[in-house]
């Protein structure tokens, strides 16, 4: 099965699960009078939307290079990851604001309704389903070297974490009596705060790639080692790197014996390119500028 089809399969499975959980959580939150459960349902809804984003953008990112995209369409996958992070951030802020409003009402003396047990069952089912989805999706995402799929996996994990927070708050509000009904909105605030952190962890690398951030120092050192491993090549310098979706691009200057025939100098550059693509993938690019030693 091709990489694109594998990504579609993984994402579609998650999308169906999210859609079912959205309906279940909204019913459990409404019938069970639980703000934490409804906040969790909103989170699952954001997960479903991001599944749709991945399905659309990964299809585009898998297209080969063409006249309008000489380096391929890999950054469309980065754009998908960025949208996932933004969607999660928006959902997180909404959850925090909603929980803070209920907490403010409680502090002013307003009684908060005690959630029903159906809300607790909704949270427990969500924890189980979303953790299974996380383990499956993150394993597939790493195998396929897809940042968008890995990001989507963390959406599943963050939903499981939010359900844990919701379950704790709901259980406390149910079993500790009316004085502790405030645990439900408190749980939703904690859940929202965790989601803000997850969203930032997704947005940072995506913004870095879209703004042409260089590759990590250890990756650049690995590129220099590859270049220097070719006999006759010396003084690699002016290295420039960037990431394009799930592959990378680099430019580098090297020095060769100025008396080498053009055909031999070209073979040296071709050998570097072969080693580079063997290590970083056939779709990775390296541009080599050759200079005479003397």
C-alpha atoms as a PDB file:
ATOM      1  CA  UNK A   1       0.000   0.000   0.000  1.00  0.00           C
ATOM      2  CA  UNK A   2       1.358   3.461  -0.942  1.00  0.00           C
ATOM      3  CA  UNK A   3       2.289   6.058   1.675  1.00  0.00           C
ATOM      4  CA  UNK A   4      -0.655   8.247   0.668  1.00  0.00           C
ATOM      5  CA  UNK A   5      -3.156   5.382   0.979  1.00  0.00           C
ATOM      6  CA  UNK A   6      -1.735   4.385   4.371  1.00  0.00           C
ATOM      7  CA  UNK A   7      -2.170   7.955   5.624  1.00  0.00           C
ATOM      8  CA  UNK A   8      -5.741   8.030   4.288  1.00  0.00           C
ATOM      9  CA  UNK A   9      -6.533   4.730   6.004  1.00  0.00           C
ATOM     10  CA  UNK A  10      -5.154   5.835   9.393  1.00  0.00           C
ATOM     11  CA  UNK A  11      -6.824   9.249   9.244  1.00  0.00           C
ATOM     12  CA  UNK A  12     -10.164   7.893   8.043  1.00  0.00           C
ATOM     13  CA  UNK A  13     -10.277   5.417  10.920  1.00  0.00           C
ATOM     14  CA  UNK A  14      -9.607   8.234  13.385  1.00  0.00           C
ATOM     15  CA  UNK A  15     -12.202  10.444  11.704  1.00  0.00           C
ATOM     16  CA  UNK A  16     -14.960   7.845  12.020  1.00  0.00           C
ATOM     17  CA  UNK A  17     -14.092   7.251  15.683  1.00  0.00           C
ATOM     18  CA  UNK A  18     -14.061  11.003  16.367  1.00  0.00           C
ATOM     19  CA  UNK A  19     -17.420  11.523  14.691  1.00  0.00           C
ATOM     20  CA  UNK A  20     -19.003   8.790  16.834  1.00  0.00           C
ATOM     21  CA  UNK A  21     -17.380  10.192  19.992  1.00  0.00           C
ATOM     22  CA  UNK A  22     -18.598  13.722  19.220  1.00  0.00           C
ATOM     23  CA  UNK A  23     -22.225  12.566  19.170  1.00  0.00           C
ATOM     24  CA  UNK A  24     -21.799  10.365  22.239  1.00  0.00           C
ATOM     25  CA  UNK A  25     -20.060  13.074  24.281  1.00  0.00           C
ATOM     26  CA  UNK A  26     -22.547  15.806  23.400  1.00  0.00           C
ATOM     27  CA  UNK A  27     -25.419  13.544  24.470  1.00  0.00           C
ATOM     28  CA  UNK A  28     -23.585  12.511  27.659  1.00  0.00           C
ATOM     29  CA  UNK A  29     -22.666  16.127  28.452  1.00  0.00           C
ATOM     30  CA  UNK A  30     -26.165  17.473  27.789  1.00  0.00           C
ATOM     31  CA  UNK A  31     -28.102  14.723  29.576  1.00  0.00           C
ATOM     32  CA  UNK A  32     -25.485  14.555  32.344  1.00  0.00           C
ATOM     33  CA  UNK A  33     -25.379  18.378  32.800  1.00  0.00           C
ATOM     34  CA  UNK A  34     -21.576  18.425  32.614  1.00  0.00           C
ATOM     35  CA  UNK A  35     -19.622  21.382  31.282  1.00  0.00           C
ATOM     36  CA  UNK A  36     -16.418  19.320  31.383  1.00  0.00           C
ATOM     37  CA  UNK A  37     -18.028  16.649  29.196  1.00  0.00           C
ATOM     38  CA  UNK A  38     -19.315  19.234  26.719  1.00  0.00           C
ATOM     39  CA  UNK A  39     -15.842  20.794  26.622  1.00  0.00           C
ATOM     40  CA  UNK A  40     -14.468  17.336  25.881  1.00  0.00           C
ATOM     41  CA  UNK A  41     -17.026  16.967  23.093  1.00  0.00           C
ATOM     42  CA  UNK A  42     -15.811  20.239  21.545  1.00  0.00           C
ATOM     43  CA  UNK A  43     -12.279  18.857  21.652  1.00  0.00           C
ATOM     44  CA  UNK A  44     -13.392  15.710  19.815  1.00  0.00           C
ATOM     45  CA  UNK A  45     -15.140  17.916  17.257  1.00  0.00           C
ATOM     46  CA  UNK A  46     -11.865  19.762  16.659  1.00  0.00           C
ATOM     47  CA  UNK A  47     -10.199  16.353  16.213  1.00  0.00           C
ATOM     48  CA  UNK A  48     -12.754  15.431  13.545  1.00  0.00           C
ATOM     49  CA  UNK A  49     -12.149  18.706  11.708  1.00  0.00           C
ATOM     50  CA  UNK A  50      -8.398  18.136  11.739  1.00  0.00           C
ATOM     51  CA  UNK A  51      -8.943  14.645  10.327  1.00  0.00           C
ATOM     52  CA  UNK A  52     -10.652  16.288   7.366  1.00  0.00           C
ATOM     53  CA  UNK A  53      -7.773  18.773   7.021  1.00  0.00           C
ATOM     54  CA  UNK A  54      -5.223  15.939   6.945  1.00  0.00           C
ATOM     55  CA  UNK A  55      -7.212  14.014   4.324  1.00  0.00           C
ATOM     56  CA  UNK A  56      -7.300  17.062   2.043  1.00  0.00           C
ATOM     57  CA  UNK A  57      -3.741  18.321   2.467  1.00  0.00           C
ATOM     58  CA  UNK A  58      -1.906  14.990   2.489  1.00  0.00           C
ATOM     59  CA  UNK A  59      -3.452  14.215  -0.883  1.00  0.00           C
ATOM     60  CA  UNK A  60      -1.974  17.445  -2.221  1.00  0.00           C
ATOM     61  CA  UNK A  61       1.409  17.013  -0.521  1.00  0.00           C
ATOM     62  CA  UNK A  62       1.931  13.589  -2.124  1.00  0.00           C
ATOM     63  CA  UNK A  63       1.883  15.048  -5.633  1.00  0.00           C
ATOM     64  CA  UNK A  64       5.263  15.027  -7.420  1.00  0.00           C
ATOM     65  CA  UNK A  65       7.066  18.201  -8.476  1.00  0.00           C
ATOM     66  CA  UNK A  66       5.589  20.118 -11.389  1.00  0.00           C
ATOM     67  CA  UNK A  67       6.097  23.397 -13.236  1.00  0.00           C
ATOM     68  CA  UNK A  68       4.657  25.456 -10.397  1.00  0.00           C
ATOM     69  CA  UNK A  69       6.348  23.529  -7.533  1.00  0.00           C
ATOM     70  CA  UNK A  70       9.928  22.623  -8.439  1.00  0.00           C
ATOM     71  CA  UNK A  71      10.590  21.143  -4.981  1.00  0.00           C
ATOM     72  CA  UNK A  72       7.334  19.201  -4.792  1.00  0.00           C
ATOM     73  CA  UNK A  73       4.262  19.811  -2.627  1.00  0.00           C
ATOM     74  CA  UNK A  74       5.651  18.624   0.727  1.00  0.00           C
ATOM     75  CA  UNK A  75       4.912  21.861   2.564  1.00  0.00           C
ATOM     76  CA  UNK A  76       1.187  21.339   2.138  1.00  0.00           C
ATOM     77  CA  UNK A  77       1.558  18.677   4.843  1.00  0.00           C
ATOM     78  CA  UNK A  78       3.222  21.310   7.033  1.00  0.00           C
ATOM     79  CA  UNK A  79       0.293  23.649   6.384  1.00  0.00           C
ATOM     80  CA  UNK A  80      -2.041  20.844   7.490  1.00  0.00           C
ATOM     81  CA  UNK A  81      -0.060  20.462  10.725  1.00  0.00           C
ATOM     82  CA  UNK A  82      -0.280  24.227  11.275  1.00  0.00           C
ATOM     83  CA  UNK A  83      -4.065  24.161  10.837  1.00  0.00           C
ATOM     84  CA  UNK A  84      -4.306  21.264  13.294  1.00  0.00           C
ATOM     85  CA  UNK A  85      -2.367  23.283  15.868  1.00  0.00           C
ATOM     86  CA  UNK A  86      -4.506  26.372  15.302  1.00  0.00           C
ATOM     87  CA  UNK A  87      -7.707  24.354  15.585  1.00  0.00           C
ATOM     88  CA  UNK A  88      -6.555  22.782  18.814  1.00  0.00           C
ATOM     89  CA  UNK A  89      -5.500  26.175  20.212  1.00  0.00           C
ATOM     90  CA  UNK A  90      -8.905  27.662  19.394  1.00  0.00           C
ATOM     91  CA  UNK A  91     -10.704  24.758  21.045  1.00  0.00           C
ATOM     92  CA  UNK A  92      -8.443  25.013  24.110  1.00  0.00           C
ATOM     93  CA  UNK A  93      -9.078  28.734  24.586  1.00  0.00           C
ATOM     94  CA  UNK A  94     -12.832  28.182  24.258  1.00  0.00           C
ATOM     95  CA  UNK A  95     -12.747  25.447  26.888  1.00  0.00           C
ATOM     96  CA  UNK A  96     -10.765  27.610  29.344  1.00  0.00           C
ATOM     97  CA  UNK A  97     -13.057  30.622  28.863  1.00  0.00           C
ATOM     98  CA  UNK A  98     -16.189  28.519  29.353  1.00  0.00           C
ATOM     99  CA  UNK A  99     -14.809  26.861  32.494  1.00  0.00           C
ATOM    100  CA  UNK A 100     -13.626  30.197  33.905  1.00  0.00           C
ATOM    101  CA  UNK A 101     -17.110  31.663  33.419  1.00  0.00           C
ATOM    102  CA  UNK A 102     -18.692  28.856  35.428  1.00  0.00           C
ATOM    103  CA  UNK A 103     -16.025  29.142  38.108  1.00  0.00           C
ATOM    104  CA  UNK A 104     -16.710  32.879  38.395  1.00  0.00           C
ATOM    105  CA  UNK A 105     -20.433  32.167  38.786  1.00  0.00           C
ATOM    106  CA  UNK A 106     -19.707  29.646  41.547  1.00  0.00           C
ATOM    107  CA  UNK A 107     -17.474  32.145  43.363  1.00  0.00           C
ATOM    108  CA  UNK A 108     -20.357  34.626  43.289  1.00  0.00           C
ATOM    109  CA  UNK A 109     -22.578  32.127  45.100  1.00  0.00           C
ATOM    110  CA  UNK A 110     -24.377  30.502  42.182  1.00  0.00           C
ATOM    111  CA  UNK A 111     -25.112  26.780  42.589  1.00  0.00           C
ATOM    112  CA  UNK A 112     -23.722  24.581  39.845  1.00  0.00           C
ATOM    113  CA  UNK A 113     -25.674  21.488  38.779  1.00  0.00           C
ATOM    114  CA  UNK A 114     -24.222  18.121  39.776  1.00  0.00           C
ATOM    115  CA  UNK A 115     -23.330  16.097  36.660  1.00  0.00           C
ATOM    116  CA  UNK A 116     -24.991  12.742  36.002  1.00  0.00           C
ATOM    117  CA  UNK A 117     -23.233   9.393  35.835  1.00  0.00           C
ATOM    118  CA  UNK A 118     -23.729   9.189  32.075  1.00  0.00           C
ATOM    119  CA  UNK A 119     -21.205  12.041  31.771  1.00  0.00           C
ATOM    120  CA  UNK A 120     -18.680   9.973  33.738  1.00  0.00           C
ATOM    121  CA  UNK A 121     -19.255   6.962  31.489  1.00  0.00           C
ATOM    122  CA  UNK A 122     -18.765   9.203  28.483  1.00  0.00           C
ATOM    123  CA  UNK A 123     -15.371  10.301  29.777  1.00  0.00           C
ATOM    124  CA  UNK A 124     -14.256   6.740  30.558  1.00  0.00           C
ATOM    125  CA  UNK A 125     -15.240   5.420  27.123  1.00  0.00           C
ATOM    126  CA  UNK A 126     -13.452   8.362  25.502  1.00  0.00           C
ATOM    127  CA  UNK A 127     -10.227   7.678  27.441  1.00  0.00           C
ATOM    128  CA  UNK A 128     -10.152   4.069  26.254  1.00  0.00           C
ATOM    129  CA  UNK A 129     -10.984   4.783  22.586  1.00  0.00           C
ATOM    130  CA  UNK A 130      -8.674   7.786  22.211  1.00  0.00           C
ATOM    131  CA  UNK A 131      -5.658   6.110  23.817  1.00  0.00           C
ATOM    132  CA  UNK A 132      -6.031   3.148  21.450  1.00  0.00           C
ATOM    133  CA  UNK A 133      -6.257   5.574  18.515  1.00  0.00           C
ATOM    134  CA  UNK A 134      -3.192   7.472  19.733  1.00  0.00           C
ATOM    135  CA  UNK A 135      -1.022   4.363  19.958  1.00  0.00           C
ATOM    136  CA  UNK A 136      -2.092   3.174  16.507  1.00  0.00           C
ATOM    137  CA  UNK A 137      -1.811   6.572  14.800  1.00  0.00           C
ATOM    138  CA  UNK A 138       1.519   7.670  16.261  1.00  0.00           C
ATOM    139  CA  UNK A 139       3.098   4.324  15.338  1.00  0.00           C
ATOM    140  CA  UNK A 140       1.841   4.647  11.761  1.00  0.00           C
ATOM    141  CA  UNK A 141       2.825   8.316  11.558  1.00  0.00           C
ATOM    142  CA  UNK A 142       6.421   7.609  12.570  1.00  0.00           C
ATOM    143  CA  UNK A 143       6.637   4.652  10.210  1.00  0.00           C
ATOM    144  CA  UNK A 144       5.335   6.784   7.323  1.00  0.00           C
ATOM    145  CA  UNK A 145       7.459   9.793   8.383  1.00  0.00           C
ATOM    146  CA  UNK A 146       4.375  12.019   8.314  1.00  0.00           C
ATOM    147  CA  UNK A 147       4.369  15.013  10.682  1.00  0.00           C
ATOM    148  CA  UNK A 148       0.685  15.625   9.990  1.00  0.00           C
ATOM    149  CA  UNK A 149      -0.260  12.075  11.049  1.00  0.00           C
ATOM    150  CA  UNK A 150       1.950  12.299  14.170  1.00  0.00           C
ATOM    151  CA  UNK A 151       0.357  15.672  14.981  1.00  0.00           C
ATOM    152  CA  UNK A 152      -3.061  14.103  14.549  1.00  0.00           C
ATOM    153  CA  UNK A 153      -2.017  11.281  16.880  1.00  0.00           C
ATOM    154  CA  UNK A 154      -1.233  13.866  19.556  1.00  0.00           C
ATOM    155  CA  UNK A 155      -4.724  15.229  19.022  1.00  0.00           C
ATOM    156  CA  UNK A 156      -5.974  11.769  20.041  1.00  0.00           C
ATOM    157  CA  UNK A 157      -3.657  11.718  23.076  1.00  0.00           C
ATOM    158  CA  UNK A 158      -4.673  15.244  24.123  1.00  0.00           C
ATOM    159  CA  UNK A 159      -8.320  14.191  23.855  1.00  0.00           C
ATOM    160  CA  UNK A 160      -7.583  11.200  26.087  1.00  0.00           C
ATOM    161  CA  UNK A 161      -5.864  13.506  28.597  1.00  0.00           C
ATOM    162  CA  UNK A 162      -8.769  15.933  28.505  1.00  0.00           C
ATOM    163  CA  UNK A 163     -11.151  13.033  29.126  1.00  0.00           C
ATOM    164  CA  UNK A 164      -9.060  12.004  32.151  1.00  0.00           C
ATOM    165  CA  UNK A 165      -9.346  15.536  33.531  1.00  0.00           C
ATOM    166  CA  UNK A 166     -13.060  15.549  32.793  1.00  0.00           C
ATOM    167  CA  UNK A 167     -13.525  12.144  34.448  1.00  0.00           C
ATOM    168  CA  UNK A 168     -11.762  13.283  37.627  1.00  0.00           C
ATOM    169  CA  UNK A 169     -13.826  16.471  37.819  1.00  0.00           C
ATOM    170  CA  UNK A 170     -17.110  14.746  37.034  1.00  0.00           C
ATOM    171  CA  UNK A 171     -16.458  11.909  39.502  1.00  0.00           C
ATOM    172  CA  UNK A 172     -15.568  14.393  42.235  1.00  0.00           C
ATOM    173  CA  UNK A 173     -18.683  16.453  41.555  1.00  0.00           C
ATOM    174  CA  UNK A 174     -20.865  13.325  41.633  1.00  0.00           C
ATOM    175  CA  UNK A 175     -19.463  11.457  44.619  1.00  0.00           C
ATOM    176  CA  UNK A 176     -18.272  14.259  46.928  1.00  0.00           C
ATOM    177  CA  UNK A 177     -21.566  16.125  47.141  1.00  0.00           C
ATOM    178  CA  UNK A 178     -22.956  19.501  46.033  1.00  0.00           C
ATOM    179  CA  UNK A 179     -20.145  21.504  47.640  1.00  0.00           C
ATOM    180  CA  UNK A 180     -17.744  19.961  45.127  1.00  0.00           C
ATOM    181  CA  UNK A 181     -19.698  20.532  41.907  1.00  0.00           C
ATOM    182  CA  UNK A 182     -17.111  23.227  41.163  1.00  0.00           C
ATOM    183  CA  UNK A 183     -14.694  20.391  40.279  1.00  0.00           C
ATOM    184  CA  UNK A 184     -16.469  20.010  36.931  1.00  0.00           C
ATOM    185  CA  UNK A 185     -15.591  23.504  35.585  1.00  0.00           C
ATOM    186  CA  UNK A 186     -12.169  23.309  37.265  1.00  0.00           C
ATOM    187  CA  UNK A 187     -11.510  20.096  35.344  1.00  0.00           C
ATOM    188  CA  UNK A 188     -12.472  21.790  32.080  1.00  0.00           C
ATOM    189  CA  UNK A 189     -10.012  24.657  32.793  1.00  0.00           C
ATOM    190  CA  UNK A 190      -7.182  22.192  33.497  1.00  0.00           C
ATOM    191  CA  UNK A 191      -8.041  20.291  30.319  1.00  0.00           C
ATOM    192  CA  UNK A 192      -7.990  23.506  28.295  1.00  0.00           C
ATOM    193  CA  UNK A 193      -4.619  24.535  29.725  1.00  0.00           C
ATOM    194  CA  UNK A 194      -3.099  21.175  28.750  1.00  0.00           C
ATOM    195  CA  UNK A 195      -4.433  21.561  25.240  1.00  0.00           C
ATOM    196  CA  UNK A 196      -2.825  25.001  24.885  1.00  0.00           C
ATOM    197  CA  UNK A 197       0.564  23.375  25.573  1.00  0.00           C
ATOM    198  CA  UNK A 198      -0.063  20.617  23.012  1.00  0.00           C
ATOM    199  CA  UNK A 199      -1.153  23.191  20.419  1.00  0.00           C
ATOM    200  CA  UNK A 200       2.023  25.217  20.934  1.00  0.00           C
ATOM    201  CA  UNK A 201       4.179  22.111  20.517  1.00  0.00           C
ATOM    202  CA  UNK A 202       2.531  21.567  17.112  1.00  0.00           C
ATOM    203  CA  UNK A 203       2.617  25.184  15.970  1.00  0.00           C
ATOM    204  CA  UNK A 204       6.293  25.868  16.767  1.00  0.00           C
ATOM    205  CA  UNK A 205       7.903  23.375  14.345  1.00  0.00           C
ATOM    206  CA  UNK A 206       5.336  24.129  11.615  1.00  0.00           C
ATOM    207  CA  UNK A 207       5.996  27.862  11.794  1.00  0.00           C
ATOM    208  CA  UNK A 208       9.722  27.151  11.770  1.00  0.00           C
ATOM    209  CA  UNK A 209       9.464  25.146   8.575  1.00  0.00           C
ATOM    210  CA  UNK A 210       7.201  27.642   6.814  1.00  0.00           C
ATOM    211  CA  UNK A 211       9.633  30.447   7.692  1.00  0.00           C
ATOM    212  CA  UNK A 212      12.592  28.454   6.288  1.00  0.00           C
ATOM    213  CA  UNK A 213      14.139  27.551   9.638  1.00  0.00           C
ATOM    214  CA  UNK A 214      17.419  25.638   9.327  1.00  0.00           C
ATOM    215  CA  UNK A 215      17.612  21.958  10.217  1.00  0.00           C
ATOM    216  CA  UNK A 216      18.930  20.969  13.679  1.00  0.00           C
ATOM    217  CA  UNK A 217      22.687  21.143  14.194  1.00  0.00           C
ATOM    218  CA  UNK A 218      23.066  17.356  14.438  1.00  0.00           C
ATOM    219  CA  UNK A 219      21.340  16.899  11.060  1.00  0.00           C
ATOM    220  CA  UNK A 220      23.589  19.536   9.475  1.00  0.00           C
ATOM    221  CA  UNK A 221      26.645  17.786  10.929  1.00  0.00           C
ATOM    222  CA  UNK A 222      25.424  14.522   9.419  1.00  0.00           C
ATOM    223  CA  UNK A 223      25.181  16.220   6.007  1.00  0.00           C
ATOM    224  CA  UNK A 224      28.738  17.564   6.346  1.00  0.00           C
ATOM    225  CA  UNK A 225      29.978  14.079   7.272  1.00  0.00           C
ATOM    226  CA  UNK A 226      28.314  12.626   4.161  1.00  0.00           C
ATOM    227  CA  UNK A 227      29.931  15.261   1.942  1.00  0.00           C
ATOM    228  CA  UNK A 228      33.387  14.764   3.465  1.00  0.00           C
ATOM    229  CA  UNK A 229      33.140  10.978   3.096  1.00  0.00           C
ATOM    230  CA  UNK A 230      33.601  11.306  -0.689  1.00  0.00           C
ATOM    231  CA  UNK A 231      37.276  11.004  -1.676  1.00  0.00           C
ATOM    232  CA  UNK A 232      38.818  14.200  -3.015  1.00  0.00           C
ATOM    233  CA  UNK A 233      36.181  16.498  -1.497  1.00  0.00           C
ATOM    234  CA  UNK A 234      37.359  19.010   1.095  1.00  0.00           C
ATOM    235  CA  UNK A 235      36.318  22.137   2.986  1.00  0.00           C
ATOM    236  CA  UNK A 236      32.514  21.876   2.760  1.00  0.00           C
ATOM    237  CA  UNK A 237      31.123  25.318   3.623  1.00  0.00           C
ATOM    238  CA  UNK A 238      28.177  27.711   3.154  1.00  0.00           C
ATOM    239  CA  UNK A 239      25.751  24.939   4.129  1.00  0.00           C
ATOM    240  CA  UNK A 240      22.109  25.992   3.978  1.00  0.00           C
ATOM    241  CA  UNK A 241      19.294  23.668   4.941  1.00  0.00           C
ATOM    242  CA  UNK A 242      15.536  23.568   5.262  1.00  0.00           C
ATOM    243  CA  UNK A 243      12.715  21.076   5.521  1.00  0.00           C
ATOM    244  CA  UNK A 244      10.074  20.489   2.842  1.00  0.00           C
ATOM    245  CA  UNK A 245       7.304  18.346   4.334  1.00  0.00           C
ATOM    246  CA  UNK A 246       8.720  14.892   5.079  1.00  0.00           C
ATOM    247  CA  UNK A 247      11.997  15.460   3.191  1.00  0.00           C
ATOM    248  CA  UNK A 248      14.791  18.035   3.266  1.00  0.00           C
ATOM    249  CA  UNK A 249      16.721  20.364   0.971  1.00  0.00           C
ATOM    250  CA  UNK A 250      20.319  21.567   1.266  1.00  0.00           C
ATOM    251  CA  UNK A 251      22.827  23.754  -0.560  1.00  0.00           C
ATOM    252  CA  UNK A 252      26.580  23.463   0.014  1.00  0.00           C
ATOM    253  CA  UNK A 253      29.923  24.606  -1.421  1.00  0.00           C
ATOM    254  CA  UNK A 254      32.804  22.122  -1.718  1.00  0.00           C
ATOM    255  CA  UNK A 255      36.424  22.304  -2.879  1.00  0.00           C
ATOM    256  CA  UNK A 256      37.989  19.921  -5.437  1.00  0.00           C
ATOM    257  CA  UNK A 257      41.328  19.665  -7.197  1.00  0.00           C
ATOM    258  CA  UNK A 258      41.178  22.406  -9.840  1.00  0.00           C
ATOM    259  CA  UNK A 259      42.903  20.148 -12.368  1.00  0.00           C
ATOM    260  CA  UNK A 260      40.155  17.509 -12.304  1.00  0.00           C
ATOM    261  CA  UNK A 261      38.336  16.977 -15.627  1.00  0.00           C
ATOM    262  CA  UNK A 262      34.738  18.218 -15.581  1.00  0.00           C
ATOM    263  CA  UNK A 263      33.441  14.653 -15.909  1.00  0.00           C
ATOM    264  CA  UNK A 264      35.291  13.569 -12.724  1.00  0.00           C
ATOM    265  CA  UNK A 265      34.166  16.638 -10.773  1.00  0.00           C
ATOM    266  CA  UNK A 266      30.602  15.918 -11.866  1.00  0.00           C
ATOM    267  CA  UNK A 267      30.924  12.307 -10.684  1.00  0.00           C
ATOM    268  CA  UNK A 268      32.065  13.528  -7.241  1.00  0.00           C
ATOM    269  CA  UNK A 269      28.984  15.736  -6.962  1.00  0.00           C
ATOM    270  CA  UNK A 270      26.739  12.888  -8.159  1.00  0.00           C
ATOM    271  CA  UNK A 271      28.199  10.564  -5.531  1.00  0.00           C
ATOM    272  CA  UNK A 272      27.413  13.107  -2.810  1.00  0.00           C
ATOM    273  CA  UNK A 273      23.871  13.378  -4.130  1.00  0.00           C
ATOM    274  CA  UNK A 274      23.416   9.590  -4.135  1.00  0.00           C
ATOM    275  CA  UNK A 275      24.657   9.277  -0.533  1.00  0.00           C
ATOM    276  CA  UNK A 276      22.488  12.213   0.545  1.00  0.00           C
ATOM    277  CA  UNK A 277      19.323  10.739  -0.969  1.00  0.00           C
ATOM    278  CA  UNK A 278      20.117   7.290   0.375  1.00  0.00           C
ATOM    279  CA  UNK A 279      20.180   8.767   3.886  1.00  0.00           C
ATOM    280  CA  UNK A 280      17.368  11.343   3.656  1.00  0.00           C
ATOM    281  CA  UNK A 281      15.080   9.920   0.951  1.00  0.00           C
ATOM    282  CA  UNK A 282      14.825  10.018  -2.821  1.00  0.00           C
ATOM    283  CA  UNK A 283      12.730  13.193  -2.737  1.00  0.00           C
ATOM    284  CA  UNK A 284      15.342  15.129  -0.775  1.00  0.00           C
ATOM    285  CA  UNK A 285      17.370  17.713  -2.686  1.00  0.00           C
ATOM    286  CA  UNK A 286      20.971  18.871  -2.474  1.00  0.00           C
ATOM    287  CA  UNK A 287      22.585  21.575  -4.613  1.00  0.00           C
ATOM    288  CA  UNK A 288      26.387  21.436  -4.794  1.00  0.00           C
ATOM    289  CA  UNK A 289      28.595  24.334  -5.823  1.00  0.00           C
ATOM    290  CA  UNK A 290      32.131  23.197  -6.733  1.00  0.00           C
ATOM    291  CA  UNK A 291      35.223  25.387  -6.233  1.00  0.00           C
ATOM    292  CA  UNK A 292      38.924  24.702  -7.033  1.00  0.00           C
ATOM    293  CA  UNK A 293      41.183  24.173  -4.014  1.00  0.00           C
ATOM    294  CA  UNK A 294      43.781  26.564  -5.371  1.00  0.00           C
END
